[in-house]
Amino acid sequence: MTSAARPPALRTEPGPAAPTQGRGSGFPLLGPPPADTGPPQARNRTGDSEFFLLGLSDDPELQPLLFGLFLAMYLVTVLGNLLIILAVSSASRLHTPMYFFLCNLSLADISFSTTTVPKMLANLQTGSHSITYAGCLTQVSFFSLFASLDSLLLALMAYDRLVAICQPLHYVVVLTPRFCGLCVLLSFFSCFLDSQLHYLMVSHLTFCADVEIPHFFCDPTQLLNLACSDTSTNNILIYFIGAIFGGVPLSGILFSYMRIVSSILRVPSTGGRYRAFSTCGSHLSVVCLFYGTGLGVYLSSAVSSSPRKGAVASVMYTVVTPMLNPFIYSLRNRDIKSALWRIIRRMA
């Protein structure tokens, strides 16, 4: 039989396409997603409503003590930094670039503590360790924002001291109000971009099983360690961002103080050297406290295998440093002390 005489092959008309659910299909998923039938430890918990913050201690007898201690420290932080802002705003002689940067540093310190401490206090009071997924992402974003802003503001204050000591005749020309405002605005904008990078980085992580964070806030590095997806790119990104917003400002501060010390040593009189050093004492103390505690936390987490010890060390730069900054500037600065006394006399 020739091919022309063969009966035609049977053909079935295609019916309506069933929704595809396989990953190899190029068509979108039209139906509901397949049920998660895998083992509990392999399920994706990224979209779940809660994470768990383990805090500083599991001992129930320590919870009231920790609550009272951190509540007092938080109130001192807010009150002390607000007094600095009020003192600088009320005294016209303090309307200078140095105190303008100090006001912004105080505002950043209040916001920095507010990002982490109130949630910790709420968990201590209620006995709950939970934080919503959205709340954790928000905490990561604001923590990155104000930590980076603190670093950049300290660098700007070092530049202010550099110009004041090394180029005093050009101080008013270089550090104009417009220039200072633009520097703070650019710093805030760059730190906002940094916070959004951290937000996107954490939001794309996949978490498995119950997410228990051995910290009192959503630390980005802890979240990277808890993710069950590949975090190699995230680790590179977080170290790169840390080098930009931590290493570059610190390098600028060190360079500024090398120039400052070199200039001061050329001053012939001892009294002149002391006055020049005294104008830098408060800022240098804050720089050592901020970067010293941050470096201590990094080293303690690298040496110690216990994440809880790293959480305890983190209290230094997240809570203690913002609380001590107003005392450092008010106790070592006559202008701030006189402005505060005038405010206290008015209130009395």
C-alpha atoms as a PDB file:
ATOM      1  CA  MET A   1       0.000   0.000   0.000  1.00  0.00           C
ATOM      2  CA  THR A   2       1.357   3.373  -0.915  1.00  0.00           C
ATOM      3  CA  SER A   3       1.547   6.241   1.513  1.00  0.00           C
ATOM      4  CA  ALA A   4      -1.236   8.051  -0.309  1.00  0.00           C
ATOM      5  CA  ALA A   5      -3.594   5.150   0.406  1.00  0.00           C
ATOM      6  CA  ARG A   6      -2.908   5.046   4.153  1.00  0.00           C
ATOM      7  CA  PRO A   7      -5.776   6.171   6.388  1.00  0.00           C
ATOM      8  CA  PRO A   8      -5.179   9.493   8.050  1.00  0.00           C
ATOM      9  CA  ALA A   9      -3.858   9.383  11.606  1.00  0.00           C
ATOM     10  CA  LEU A  10      -6.295  10.134  14.364  1.00  0.00           C
ATOM     11  CA  ARG A  11      -5.947  13.640  15.824  1.00  0.00           C
ATOM     12  CA  THR A  12      -7.437  14.810  19.068  1.00  0.00           C
ATOM     13  CA  GLU A  13      -8.453  18.400  19.476  1.00  0.00           C
ATOM     14  CA  PRO A  14      -6.627  20.083  22.380  1.00  0.00           C
ATOM     15  CA  GLY A  15      -8.874  20.892  25.296  1.00  0.00           C
ATOM     16  CA  PRO A  16      -8.464  23.752  27.728  1.00  0.00           C
ATOM     17  CA  ALA A  17      -4.945  23.808  29.120  1.00  0.00           C
ATOM     18  CA  ALA A  18      -4.643  22.720  32.696  1.00  0.00           C
ATOM     19  CA  PRO A  19      -2.794  25.114  34.974  1.00  0.00           C
ATOM     20  CA  THR A  20       0.832  24.178  35.145  1.00  0.00           C
ATOM     21  CA  GLN A  21       2.586  24.031  38.485  1.00  0.00           C
ATOM     22  CA  GLY A  22       5.960  22.652  37.559  1.00  0.00           C
ATOM     23  CA  ARG A  23       9.042  24.806  37.670  1.00  0.00           C
ATOM     24  CA  GLY A  24      10.076  23.769  34.171  1.00  0.00           C
ATOM     25  CA  SER A  25       6.977  25.216  32.536  1.00  0.00           C
ATOM     26  CA  GLY A  26       7.185  28.599  30.941  1.00  0.00           C
ATOM     27  CA  PHE A  27       3.543  29.374  31.732  1.00  0.00           C
ATOM     28  CA  PRO A  28       2.478  31.213  34.867  1.00  0.00           C
ATOM     29  CA  LEU A  29       0.911  29.391  37.754  1.00  0.00           C
ATOM     30  CA  LEU A  30      -2.834  29.837  37.324  1.00  0.00           C
ATOM     31  CA  GLY A  31      -4.141  27.611  40.042  1.00  0.00           C
ATOM     32  CA  PRO A  32      -3.449  27.634  43.783  1.00  0.00           C
ATOM     33  CA  PRO A  33       0.066  26.713  44.847  1.00  0.00           C
ATOM     34  CA  PRO A  34       0.699  23.116  45.816  1.00  0.00           C
ATOM     35  CA  ALA A  35       0.360  22.231  49.459  1.00  0.00           C
ATOM     36  CA  ASP A  36       3.562  22.142  51.448  1.00  0.00           C
ATOM     37  CA  THR A  37       4.011  18.482  52.213  1.00  0.00           C
ATOM     38  CA  GLY A  38       7.699  18.542  53.021  1.00  0.00           C
ATOM     39  CA  PRO A  39       9.152  17.978  56.440  1.00  0.00           C
ATOM     40  CA  PRO A  40       8.634  20.839  58.933  1.00  0.00           C
ATOM     41  CA  GLN A  41      12.318  21.714  59.075  1.00  0.00           C
ATOM     42  CA  ALA A  42      12.467  22.344  55.308  1.00  0.00           C
ATOM     43  CA  ARG A  43       9.445  24.528  54.942  1.00  0.00           C
ATOM     44  CA  ASN A  44       9.831  28.124  53.906  1.00  0.00           C
ATOM     45  CA  ARG A  45       8.983  30.312  56.878  1.00  0.00           C
ATOM     46  CA  THR A  46       9.793  33.644  55.219  1.00  0.00           C
ATOM     47  CA  GLY A  47       6.183  34.704  54.908  1.00  0.00           C
ATOM     48  CA  ASP A  48       5.231  33.691  58.447  1.00  0.00           C
ATOM     49  CA  SER A  49       3.941  36.407  60.698  1.00  0.00           C
ATOM     50  CA  GLU A  50       6.442  36.131  63.553  1.00  0.00           C
ATOM     51  CA  PHE A  51      10.108  35.755  64.397  1.00  0.00           C
ATOM     52  CA  PHE A  52      11.359  35.193  67.937  1.00  0.00           C
ATOM     53  CA  LEU A  53      13.895  37.387  69.751  1.00  0.00           C
ATOM     54  CA  LEU A  54      15.577  35.356  72.488  1.00  0.00           C
ATOM     55  CA  GLY A  55      16.839  38.469  74.261  1.00  0.00           C
ATOM     56  CA  LEU A  56      19.694  38.700  76.737  1.00  0.00           C
ATOM     57  CA  SER A  57      18.641  36.054  79.262  1.00  0.00           C
ATOM     58  CA  ASP A  58      16.144  33.246  79.696  1.00  0.00           C
ATOM     59  CA  ASP A  59      16.082  33.545  83.482  1.00  0.00           C
ATOM     60  CA  PRO A  60      12.580  34.759  84.466  1.00  0.00           C
ATOM     61  CA  GLU A  61      13.921  36.257  87.704  1.00  0.00           C
ATOM     62  CA  LEU A  62      16.155  38.615  85.712  1.00  0.00           C
ATOM     63  CA  GLN A  63      13.366  39.955  83.503  1.00  0.00           C
ATOM     64  CA  PRO A  64      12.113  42.661  85.951  1.00  0.00           C
ATOM     65  CA  LEU A  65      15.692  43.756  86.635  1.00  0.00           C
ATOM     66  CA  LEU A  66      16.505  43.984  82.933  1.00  0.00           C
ATOM     67  CA  PHE A  67      13.273  45.874  82.291  1.00  0.00           C
ATOM     68  CA  GLY A  68      14.002  48.477  84.958  1.00  0.00           C
ATOM     69  CA  LEU A  69      17.632  48.849  83.916  1.00  0.00           C
ATOM     70  CA  PHE A  70      16.961  49.334  80.203  1.00  0.00           C
ATOM     71  CA  LEU A  71      13.959  51.559  80.834  1.00  0.00           C
ATOM     72  CA  ALA A  72      16.122  53.865  82.966  1.00  0.00           C
ATOM     73  CA  MET A  73      18.904  53.876  80.366  1.00  0.00           C
ATOM     74  CA  TYR A  74      16.459  54.635  77.562  1.00  0.00           C
ATOM     75  CA  LEU A  75      14.849  57.504  79.462  1.00  0.00           C
ATOM     76  CA  VAL A  76      18.262  58.971  80.283  1.00  0.00           C
ATOM     77  CA  THR A  77      19.249  58.678  76.614  1.00  0.00           C
ATOM     78  CA  VAL A  78      16.146  60.476  75.368  1.00  0.00           C
ATOM     79  CA  LEU A  79      16.172  63.150  78.073  1.00  0.00           C
ATOM     80  CA  GLY A  80      19.912  63.832  77.843  1.00  0.00           C
ATOM     81  CA  ASN A  81      19.965  64.170  74.068  1.00  0.00           C
ATOM     82  CA  LEU A  82      16.817  66.302  74.071  1.00  0.00           C
ATOM     83  CA  LEU A  83      18.473  68.635  76.579  1.00  0.00           C
ATOM     84  CA  ILE A  84      21.493  68.959  74.286  1.00  0.00           C
ATOM     85  CA  ILE A  85      19.215  69.858  71.362  1.00  0.00           C
ATOM     86  CA  LEU A  86      17.261  72.320  73.519  1.00  0.00           C
ATOM     87  CA  ALA A  87      20.411  73.947  74.890  1.00  0.00           C
ATOM     88  CA  VAL A  88      21.943  74.455  71.445  1.00  0.00           C
ATOM     89  CA  SER A  89      18.671  75.762  70.012  1.00  0.00           C
ATOM     90  CA  SER A  90      18.085  78.255  72.824  1.00  0.00           C
ATOM     91  CA  ALA A  91      21.593  79.782  72.962  1.00  0.00           C
ATOM     92  CA  SER A  92      22.487  81.971  70.000  1.00  0.00           C
ATOM     93  CA  ARG A  93      26.219  81.694  70.724  1.00  0.00           C
ATOM     94  CA  LEU A  94      25.943  77.944  70.092  1.00  0.00           C
ATOM     95  CA  HIS A  95      24.618  78.396  66.546  1.00  0.00           C
ATOM     96  CA  THR A  96      27.875  77.232  65.020  1.00  0.00           C
ATOM     97  CA  PRO A  97      28.721  74.284  62.720  1.00  0.00           C
ATOM     98  CA  MET A  98      30.142  72.214  65.585  1.00  0.00           C
ATOM     99  CA  TYR A  99      26.942  72.408  67.629  1.00  0.00           C
ATOM    100  CA  PHE A 100      24.788  72.009  64.522  1.00  0.00           C
ATOM    101  CA  PHE A 101      26.433  68.639  63.916  1.00  0.00           C
ATOM    102  CA  LEU A 102      26.088  67.838  67.622  1.00  0.00           C
ATOM    103  CA  CYS A 103      22.321  68.440  67.474  1.00  0.00           C
ATOM    104  CA  ASN A 104      22.003  66.076  64.545  1.00  0.00           C
ATOM    105  CA  LEU A 105      24.125  63.486  66.372  1.00  0.00           C
ATOM    106  CA  SER A 106      21.832  63.726  69.410  1.00  0.00           C
ATOM    107  CA  LEU A 107      18.770  63.299  67.222  1.00  0.00           C
ATOM    108  CA  ALA A 108      20.362  60.268  65.531  1.00  0.00           C
ATOM    109  CA  ASP A 109      21.216  58.773  68.952  1.00  0.00           C
ATOM    110  CA  ILE A 110      17.602  59.102  70.128  1.00  0.00           C
ATOM    111  CA  SER A 111      16.371  57.423  66.968  1.00  0.00           C
ATOM    112  CA  PHE A 112      19.064  54.740  67.189  1.00  0.00           C
ATOM    113  CA  SER A 113      17.996  53.711  70.694  1.00  0.00           C
ATOM    114  CA  THR A 114      14.306  53.967  69.835  1.00  0.00           C
ATOM    115  CA  THR A 115      14.801  51.456  67.020  1.00  0.00           C
ATOM    116  CA  THR A 116      15.722  48.624  69.396  1.00  0.00           C
ATOM    117  CA  VAL A 117      15.014  49.387  73.072  1.00  0.00           C
ATOM    118  CA  PRO A 118      11.194  49.918  73.121  1.00  0.00           C
ATOM    119  CA  LYS A 119      10.575  46.547  71.463  1.00  0.00           C
ATOM    120  CA  MET A 120      12.905  44.866  73.930  1.00  0.00           C
ATOM    121  CA  LEU A 121      11.091  46.559  76.822  1.00  0.00           C
ATOM    122  CA  ALA A 122       7.725  45.442  75.470  1.00  0.00           C
ATOM    123  CA  ASN A 123       8.928  41.840  75.209  1.00  0.00           C
ATOM    124  CA  LEU A 124      10.357  41.943  78.738  1.00  0.00           C
ATOM    125  CA  GLN A 125       7.113  43.342  80.111  1.00  0.00           C
ATOM    126  CA  THR A 126       4.792  40.903  78.362  1.00  0.00           C
ATOM    127  CA  GLY A 127       7.071  37.870  78.529  1.00  0.00           C
ATOM    128  CA  SER A 128       6.747  37.463  74.778  1.00  0.00           C
ATOM    129  CA  HIS A 129       9.693  37.021  72.431  1.00  0.00           C
ATOM    130  CA  SER A 130       7.865  37.535  69.166  1.00  0.00           C
ATOM    131  CA  ILE A 131       8.339  40.196  66.521  1.00  0.00           C
ATOM    132  CA  THR A 132       6.440  40.319  63.264  1.00  0.00           C
ATOM    133  CA  TYR A 133       8.240  39.695  60.000  1.00  0.00           C
ATOM    134  CA  ALA A 134       7.398  43.231  58.851  1.00  0.00           C
ATOM    135  CA  GLY A 135       8.549  44.615  62.196  1.00  0.00           C
ATOM    136  CA  CYS A 136      11.851  42.776  61.882  1.00  0.00           C
ATOM    137  CA  LEU A 137      12.454  44.194  58.411  1.00  0.00           C
ATOM    138  CA  THR A 138      11.588  47.679  59.658  1.00  0.00           C
ATOM    139  CA  GLN A 139      13.996  47.297  62.575  1.00  0.00           C
ATOM    140  CA  VAL A 140      16.790  46.189  60.234  1.00  0.00           C
ATOM    141  CA  SER A 141      16.172  49.194  58.002  1.00  0.00           C
ATOM    142  CA  PHE A 142      16.147  51.830  60.764  1.00  0.00           C
ATOM    143  CA  PHE A 143      19.041  50.211  62.622  1.00  0.00           C
ATOM    144  CA  SER A 144      21.212  50.423  59.503  1.00  0.00           C
ATOM    145  CA  LEU A 145      20.059  53.985  58.812  1.00  0.00           C
ATOM    146  CA  PHE A 146      20.930  55.489  62.188  1.00  0.00           C
ATOM    147  CA  ALA A 147      24.083  53.434  62.790  1.00  0.00           C
ATOM    148  CA  SER A 148      25.505  54.672  59.471  1.00  0.00           C
ATOM    149  CA  LEU A 149      24.296  58.216  60.173  1.00  0.00           C
ATOM    150  CA  ASP A 150      26.122  58.247  63.511  1.00  0.00           C
ATOM    151  CA  SER A 151      29.317  57.242  61.756  1.00  0.00           C
ATOM    152  CA  LEU A 152      29.038  59.928  59.067  1.00  0.00           C
ATOM    153  CA  LEU A 153      28.130  62.651  61.564  1.00  0.00           C
ATOM    154  CA  LEU A 154      31.195  61.832  63.658  1.00  0.00           C
ATOM    155  CA  ALA A 155      33.298  62.175  60.495  1.00  0.00           C
ATOM    156  CA  LEU A 156      31.714  65.573  59.755  1.00  0.00           C
ATOM    157  CA  MET A 157      32.462  66.721  63.297  1.00  0.00           C
ATOM    158  CA  ALA A 158      36.092  65.653  62.842  1.00  0.00           C
ATOM    159  CA  TYR A 159      36.265  67.728  59.658  1.00  0.00           C
ATOM    160  CA  ASP A 160      34.815  70.673  61.577  1.00  0.00           C
ATOM    161  CA  ARG A 161      37.605  70.401  64.162  1.00  0.00           C
ATOM    162  CA  LEU A 162      40.194  70.032  61.395  1.00  0.00           C
ATOM    163  CA  VAL A 163      39.169  73.285  59.737  1.00  0.00           C
ATOM    164  CA  ALA A 164      38.810  75.115  63.073  1.00  0.00           C
ATOM    165  CA  ILE A 165      42.339  74.213  64.227  1.00  0.00           C
ATOM    166  CA  CYS A 166      44.329  73.927  61.013  1.00  0.00           C
ATOM    167  CA  GLN A 167      42.608  76.692  59.005  1.00  0.00           C
ATOM    168  CA  PRO A 168      40.959  79.007  61.564  1.00  0.00           C
ATOM    169  CA  LEU A 169      40.917  82.014  59.234  1.00  0.00           C
ATOM    170  CA  HIS A 170      38.926  80.060  56.630  1.00  0.00           C
ATOM    171  CA  TYR A 171      36.501  78.466  59.107  1.00  0.00           C
ATOM    172  CA  VAL A 172      33.590  80.827  58.458  1.00  0.00           C
ATOM    173  CA  VAL A 173      34.143  80.707  54.702  1.00  0.00           C
ATOM    174  CA  VAL A 174      34.418  76.914  54.431  1.00  0.00           C
ATOM    175  CA  LEU A 175      31.793  75.771  56.943  1.00  0.00           C
ATOM    176  CA  THR A 176      28.880  77.938  55.919  1.00  0.00           C
ATOM    177  CA  PRO A 177      25.353  77.093  57.139  1.00  0.00           C
ATOM    178  CA  ARG A 178      24.396  76.027  53.630  1.00  0.00           C
ATOM    179  CA  PHE A 179      27.407  73.727  53.339  1.00  0.00           C
ATOM    180  CA  CYS A 180      26.740  72.149  56.744  1.00  0.00           C
ATOM    181  CA  GLY A 181      23.060  71.598  55.951  1.00  0.00           C
ATOM    182  CA  LEU A 182      23.955  70.067  52.597  1.00  0.00           C
ATOM    183  CA  CYS A 183      26.470  67.712  54.242  1.00  0.00           C
ATOM    184  CA  VAL A 184      23.875  66.474  56.743  1.00  0.00           C
ATOM    185  CA  LEU A 185      21.270  66.091  54.018  1.00  0.00           C
ATOM    186  CA  LEU A 186      23.618  64.086  51.788  1.00  0.00           C
ATOM    187  CA  SER A 187      24.642  61.956  54.756  1.00  0.00           C
ATOM    188  CA  PHE A 188      21.025  61.171  55.561  1.00  0.00           C
ATOM    189  CA  PHE A 189      20.215  60.377  51.935  1.00  0.00           C
ATOM    190  CA  SER A 190      23.207  58.033  51.552  1.00  0.00           C
ATOM    191  CA  CYS A 191      22.345  56.302  54.840  1.00  0.00           C
ATOM    192  CA  PHE A 192      18.760  55.928  53.665  1.00  0.00           C
ATOM    193  CA  LEU A 193      20.033  54.123  50.561  1.00  0.00           C
ATOM    194  CA  ASP A 194      22.125  51.923  52.826  1.00  0.00           C
ATOM    195  CA  SER A 195      19.073  51.067  54.931  1.00  0.00           C
ATOM    196  CA  GLN A 196      17.087  50.154  51.836  1.00  0.00           C
ATOM    197  CA  LEU A 197      19.887  47.856  50.671  1.00  0.00           C
ATOM    198  CA  HIS A 198      19.765  46.076  54.030  1.00  0.00           C
ATOM    199  CA  TYR A 199      15.973  45.894  53.796  1.00  0.00           C
ATOM    200  CA  LEU A 200      16.054  44.337  50.323  1.00  0.00           C
ATOM    201  CA  MET A 201      18.858  41.995  51.290  1.00  0.00           C
ATOM    202  CA  VAL A 202      16.968  40.588  54.292  1.00  0.00           C
ATOM    203  CA  SER A 203      13.601  40.526  52.527  1.00  0.00           C
ATOM    204  CA  HIS A 204      15.031  38.194  49.857  1.00  0.00           C
ATOM    205  CA  LEU A 205      16.336  35.685  52.395  1.00  0.00           C
ATOM    206  CA  THR A 206      14.566  32.370  52.902  1.00  0.00           C
ATOM    207  CA  PHE A 207      14.173  31.129  56.459  1.00  0.00           C
ATOM    208  CA  CYS A 208      13.397  27.557  57.458  1.00  0.00           C
ATOM    209  CA  ALA A 209      11.810  26.114  60.593  1.00  0.00           C
ATOM    210  CA  ASP A 210      11.261  28.395  63.586  1.00  0.00           C
ATOM    211  CA  VAL A 211      13.345  31.566  63.322  1.00  0.00           C
ATOM    212  CA  GLU A 212      14.822  32.193  66.776  1.00  0.00           C
ATOM    213  CA  ILE A 213      17.185  35.159  66.797  1.00  0.00           C
ATOM    214  CA  PRO A 214      19.716  35.001  69.666  1.00  0.00           C
ATOM    215  CA  HIS A 215      19.592  38.769  70.122  1.00  0.00           C
ATOM    216  CA  PHE A 216      17.345  41.487  71.523  1.00  0.00           C
ATOM    217  CA  PHE A 217      16.791  43.035  68.077  1.00  0.00           C
ATOM    218  CA  CYS A 218      16.863  41.931  64.446  1.00  0.00           C
ATOM    219  CA  ASP A 219      20.582  42.094  63.770  1.00  0.00           C
ATOM    220  CA  PRO A 220      21.271  41.749  60.009  1.00  0.00           C
ATOM    221  CA  THR A 221      24.305  39.527  60.566  1.00  0.00           C
ATOM    222  CA  GLN A 222      22.307  37.172  62.785  1.00  0.00           C
ATOM    223  CA  LEU A 223      19.578  36.943  60.164  1.00  0.00           C
ATOM    224  CA  LEU A 224      22.164  35.997  57.545  1.00  0.00           C
ATOM    225  CA  ASN A 225      23.396  33.200  59.788  1.00  0.00           C
ATOM    226  CA  LEU A 226      19.845  31.904  60.287  1.00  0.00           C
ATOM    227  CA  ALA A 227      18.856  31.927  56.606  1.00  0.00           C
ATOM    228  CA  CYS A 228      18.621  28.570  54.833  1.00  0.00           C
ATOM    229  CA  SER A 229      19.201  30.081  51.392  1.00  0.00           C
ATOM    230  CA  ASP A 230      22.565  30.935  49.855  1.00  0.00           C
ATOM    231  CA  THR A 231      23.970  34.023  51.594  1.00  0.00           C
ATOM    232  CA  SER A 232      27.403  34.293  49.975  1.00  0.00           C
ATOM    233  CA  THR A 233      26.397  37.346  47.940  1.00  0.00           C
ATOM    234  CA  ASN A 234      24.704  38.881  50.961  1.00  0.00           C
ATOM    235  CA  ASN A 235      27.826  38.451  53.076  1.00  0.00           C
ATOM    236  CA  ILE A 236      29.947  40.172  50.443  1.00  0.00           C
ATOM    237  CA  LEU A 237      27.416  42.995  50.214  1.00  0.00           C
ATOM    238  CA  ILE A 238      27.181  43.540  53.973  1.00  0.00           C
ATOM    239  CA  TYR A 239      30.973  43.697  54.338  1.00  0.00           C
ATOM    240  CA  PHE A 240      31.190  46.091  51.396  1.00  0.00           C
ATOM    241  CA  ILE A 241      28.546  48.366  52.914  1.00  0.00           C
ATOM    242  CA  GLY A 242      30.276  48.161  56.291  1.00  0.00           C
ATOM    243  CA  ALA A 243      33.554  49.229  54.706  1.00  0.00           C
ATOM    244  CA  ILE A 244      31.888  52.242  53.077  1.00  0.00           C
ATOM    245  CA  PHE A 245      29.840  53.491  56.040  1.00  0.00           C
ATOM    246  CA  GLY A 246      32.243  52.371  58.757  1.00  0.00           C
ATOM    247  CA  GLY A 247      35.731  52.171  57.333  1.00  0.00           C
ATOM    248  CA  VAL A 248      35.666  55.306  55.158  1.00  0.00           C
ATOM    249  CA  PRO A 249      34.361  57.654  57.923  1.00  0.00           C
ATOM    250  CA  LEU A 250      36.839  56.165  60.415  1.00  0.00           C
ATOM    251  CA  SER A 251      39.679  56.707  57.947  1.00  0.00           C
ATOM    252  CA  GLY A 252      38.569  60.315  57.532  1.00  0.00           C
ATOM    253  CA  ILE A 253      38.490  60.791  61.307  1.00  0.00           C
ATOM    254  CA  LEU A 254      41.974  59.316  61.729  1.00  0.00           C
ATOM    255  CA  PHE A 255      43.349  61.483  58.910  1.00  0.00           C
ATOM    256  CA  SER A 256      41.745  64.592  60.436  1.00  0.00           C
ATOM    257  CA  TYR A 257      43.259  63.951  63.853  1.00  0.00           C
ATOM    258  CA  MET A 258      46.673  63.250  62.380  1.00  0.00           C
ATOM    259  CA  ARG A 259      46.523  66.704  60.796  1.00  0.00           C
ATOM    260  CA  ILE A 260      45.155  68.201  64.021  1.00  0.00           C
ATOM    261  CA  VAL A 261      47.881  66.696  66.213  1.00  0.00           C
ATOM    262  CA  SER A 262      50.566  67.776  63.748  1.00  0.00           C
ATOM    263  CA  SER A 263      49.206  71.320  63.794  1.00  0.00           C
ATOM    264  CA  ILE A 264      48.861  71.469  67.583  1.00  0.00           C
ATOM    265  CA  LEU A 265      52.420  70.283  68.165  1.00  0.00           C
ATOM    266  CA  ARG A 266      53.657  73.320  66.244  1.00  0.00           C
ATOM    267  CA  VAL A 267      51.945  75.679  68.711  1.00  0.00           C
ATOM    268  CA  PRO A 268      54.732  77.218  70.839  1.00  0.00           C
ATOM    269  CA  SER A 269      52.829  77.780  74.096  1.00  0.00           C
ATOM    270  CA  THR A 270      51.605  75.000  76.381  1.00  0.00           C
ATOM    271  CA  GLY A 271      48.387  76.881  77.104  1.00  0.00           C
ATOM    272  CA  GLY A 272      47.607  77.133  73.407  1.00  0.00           C
ATOM    273  CA  ARG A 273      48.140  73.418  72.957  1.00  0.00           C
ATOM    274  CA  TYR A 274      45.832  72.644  75.881  1.00  0.00           C
ATOM    275  CA  ARG A 275      43.058  74.885  74.543  1.00  0.00           C
ATOM    276  CA  ALA A 276      43.333  73.294  71.102  1.00  0.00           C
ATOM    277  CA  PHE A 277      43.229  69.771  72.530  1.00  0.00           C
ATOM    278  CA  SER A 278      40.306  70.625  74.823  1.00  0.00           C
ATOM    279  CA  THR A 279      38.117  71.551  71.851  1.00  0.00           C
ATOM    280  CA  CYS A 280      38.629  68.032  70.476  1.00  0.00           C
ATOM    281  CA  GLY A 281      38.398  66.107  73.738  1.00  0.00           C
ATOM    282  CA  SER A 282      34.644  65.533  73.772  1.00  0.00           C
ATOM    283  CA  HIS A 283      34.461  64.497  70.135  1.00  0.00           C
ATOM    284  CA  LEU A 284      37.465  62.201  70.439  1.00  0.00           C
ATOM    285  CA  SER A 285      35.907  60.535  73.493  1.00  0.00           C
ATOM    286  CA  VAL A 286      32.659  59.887  71.595  1.00  0.00           C
ATOM    287  CA  VAL A 287      34.584  58.520  68.594  1.00  0.00           C
ATOM    288  CA  CYS A 288      36.552  56.112  70.788  1.00  0.00           C
ATOM    289  CA  LEU A 289      33.370  55.011  72.554  1.00  0.00           C
ATOM    290  CA  PHE A 290      31.383  54.453  69.360  1.00  0.00           C
ATOM    291  CA  TYR A 291      34.021  52.707  67.261  1.00  0.00           C
ATOM    292  CA  GLY A 292      35.654  50.995  70.221  1.00  0.00           C
ATOM    293  CA  THR A 293      32.434  49.303  71.327  1.00  0.00           C
ATOM    294  CA  GLY A 294      31.547  48.417  67.739  1.00  0.00           C
ATOM    295  CA  LEU A 295      34.973  46.843  67.216  1.00  0.00           C
ATOM    296  CA  GLY A 296      34.632  45.061  70.555  1.00  0.00           C
ATOM    297  CA  VAL A 297      31.316  43.546  69.494  1.00  0.00           C
ATOM    298  CA  TYR A 298      32.853  42.357  66.226  1.00  0.00           C
ATOM    299  CA  LEU A 299      35.844  40.781  67.965  1.00  0.00           C
ATOM    300  CA  SER A 300      33.724  39.169  70.662  1.00  0.00           C
ATOM    301  CA  SER A 301      31.418  37.620  68.076  1.00  0.00           C
ATOM    302  CA  ALA A 302      34.431  36.370  66.109  1.00  0.00           C
ATOM    303  CA  VAL A 303      36.177  34.855  69.141  1.00  0.00           C
ATOM    304  CA  SER A 304      33.176  33.607  71.112  1.00  0.00           C
ATOM    305  CA  SER A 305      30.953  30.837  69.808  1.00  0.00           C
ATOM    306  CA  SER A 306      27.999  32.002  71.914  1.00  0.00           C
ATOM    307  CA  PRO A 307      25.636  34.411  70.087  1.00  0.00           C
ATOM    308  CA  ARG A 308      24.230  35.509  73.447  1.00  0.00           C
ATOM    309  CA  LYS A 309      27.593  36.973  74.472  1.00  0.00           C
ATOM    310  CA  GLY A 310      27.600  38.972  71.251  1.00  0.00           C
ATOM    311  CA  ALA A 311      24.125  40.241  72.101  1.00  0.00           C
ATOM    312  CA  VAL A 312      25.295  41.389  75.531  1.00  0.00           C
ATOM    313  CA  ALA A 313      28.274  43.150  73.944  1.00  0.00           C
ATOM    314  CA  SER A 314      25.945  44.871  71.455  1.00  0.00           C
ATOM    315  CA  VAL A 315      24.290  46.671  74.373  1.00  0.00           C
ATOM    316  CA  MET A 316      27.394  48.866  74.572  1.00  0.00           C
ATOM    317  CA  TYR A 317      27.010  50.603  71.213  1.00  0.00           C
ATOM    318  CA  THR A 318      23.227  50.381  70.862  1.00  0.00           C
ATOM    319  CA  VAL A 319      22.249  51.567  74.353  1.00  0.00           C
ATOM    320  CA  VAL A 320      25.224  52.702  76.448  1.00  0.00           C
ATOM    321  CA  THR A 321      26.971  54.874  73.858  1.00  0.00           C
ATOM    322  CA  PRO A 322      23.893  56.999  72.956  1.00  0.00           C
ATOM    323  CA  MET A 323      23.248  57.422  76.690  1.00  0.00           C
ATOM    324  CA  LEU A 324      26.780  58.610  77.484  1.00  0.00           C
ATOM    325  CA  ASN A 325      27.195  61.046  74.588  1.00  0.00           C
ATOM    326  CA  PRO A 326      25.193  63.893  76.245  1.00  0.00           C
ATOM    327  CA  PHE A 327      27.210  63.526  79.451  1.00  0.00           C
ATOM    328  CA  ILE A 328      30.508  63.612  77.571  1.00  0.00           C
ATOM    329  CA  TYR A 329      29.605  66.815  75.742  1.00  0.00           C
ATOM    330  CA  SER A 330      27.890  68.550  78.663  1.00  0.00           C
ATOM    331  CA  LEU A 331      30.532  67.766  81.298  1.00  0.00           C
ATOM    332  CA  ARG A 332      33.477  68.769  79.112  1.00  0.00           C
ATOM    333  CA  ASN A 333      31.942  71.822  77.458  1.00  0.00           C
ATOM    334  CA  ARG A 334      31.432  75.078  79.342  1.00  0.00           C
ATOM    335  CA  ASP A 335      29.111  76.553  76.719  1.00  0.00           C
ATOM    336  CA  ILE A 336      26.776  73.558  76.903  1.00  0.00           C
ATOM    337  CA  LYS A 337      26.804  73.596  80.713  1.00  0.00           C
ATOM    338  CA  SER A 338      26.008  77.301  80.894  1.00  0.00           C
ATOM    339  CA  ALA A 339      23.165  76.915  78.389  1.00  0.00           C
ATOM    340  CA  LEU A 340      21.747  73.982  80.375  1.00  0.00           C
ATOM    341  CA  TRP A 341      21.917  75.945  83.624  1.00  0.00           C
ATOM    342  CA  ARG A 342      20.014  78.806  82.035  1.00  0.00           C
ATOM    343  CA  ILE A 343      17.295  76.377  80.915  1.00  0.00           C
ATOM    344  CA  ILE A 344      17.095  74.870  84.403  1.00  0.00           C
ATOM    345  CA  ARG A 345      16.803  78.329  86.025  1.00  0.00           C
ATOM    346  CA  ARG A 346      14.002  79.261  83.627  1.00  0.00           C
ATOM    347  CA  MET A 347      12.110  76.080  84.437  1.00  0.00           C
ATOM    348  CA  ALA A 348      12.592  76.636  88.169  1.00  0.00           C
END
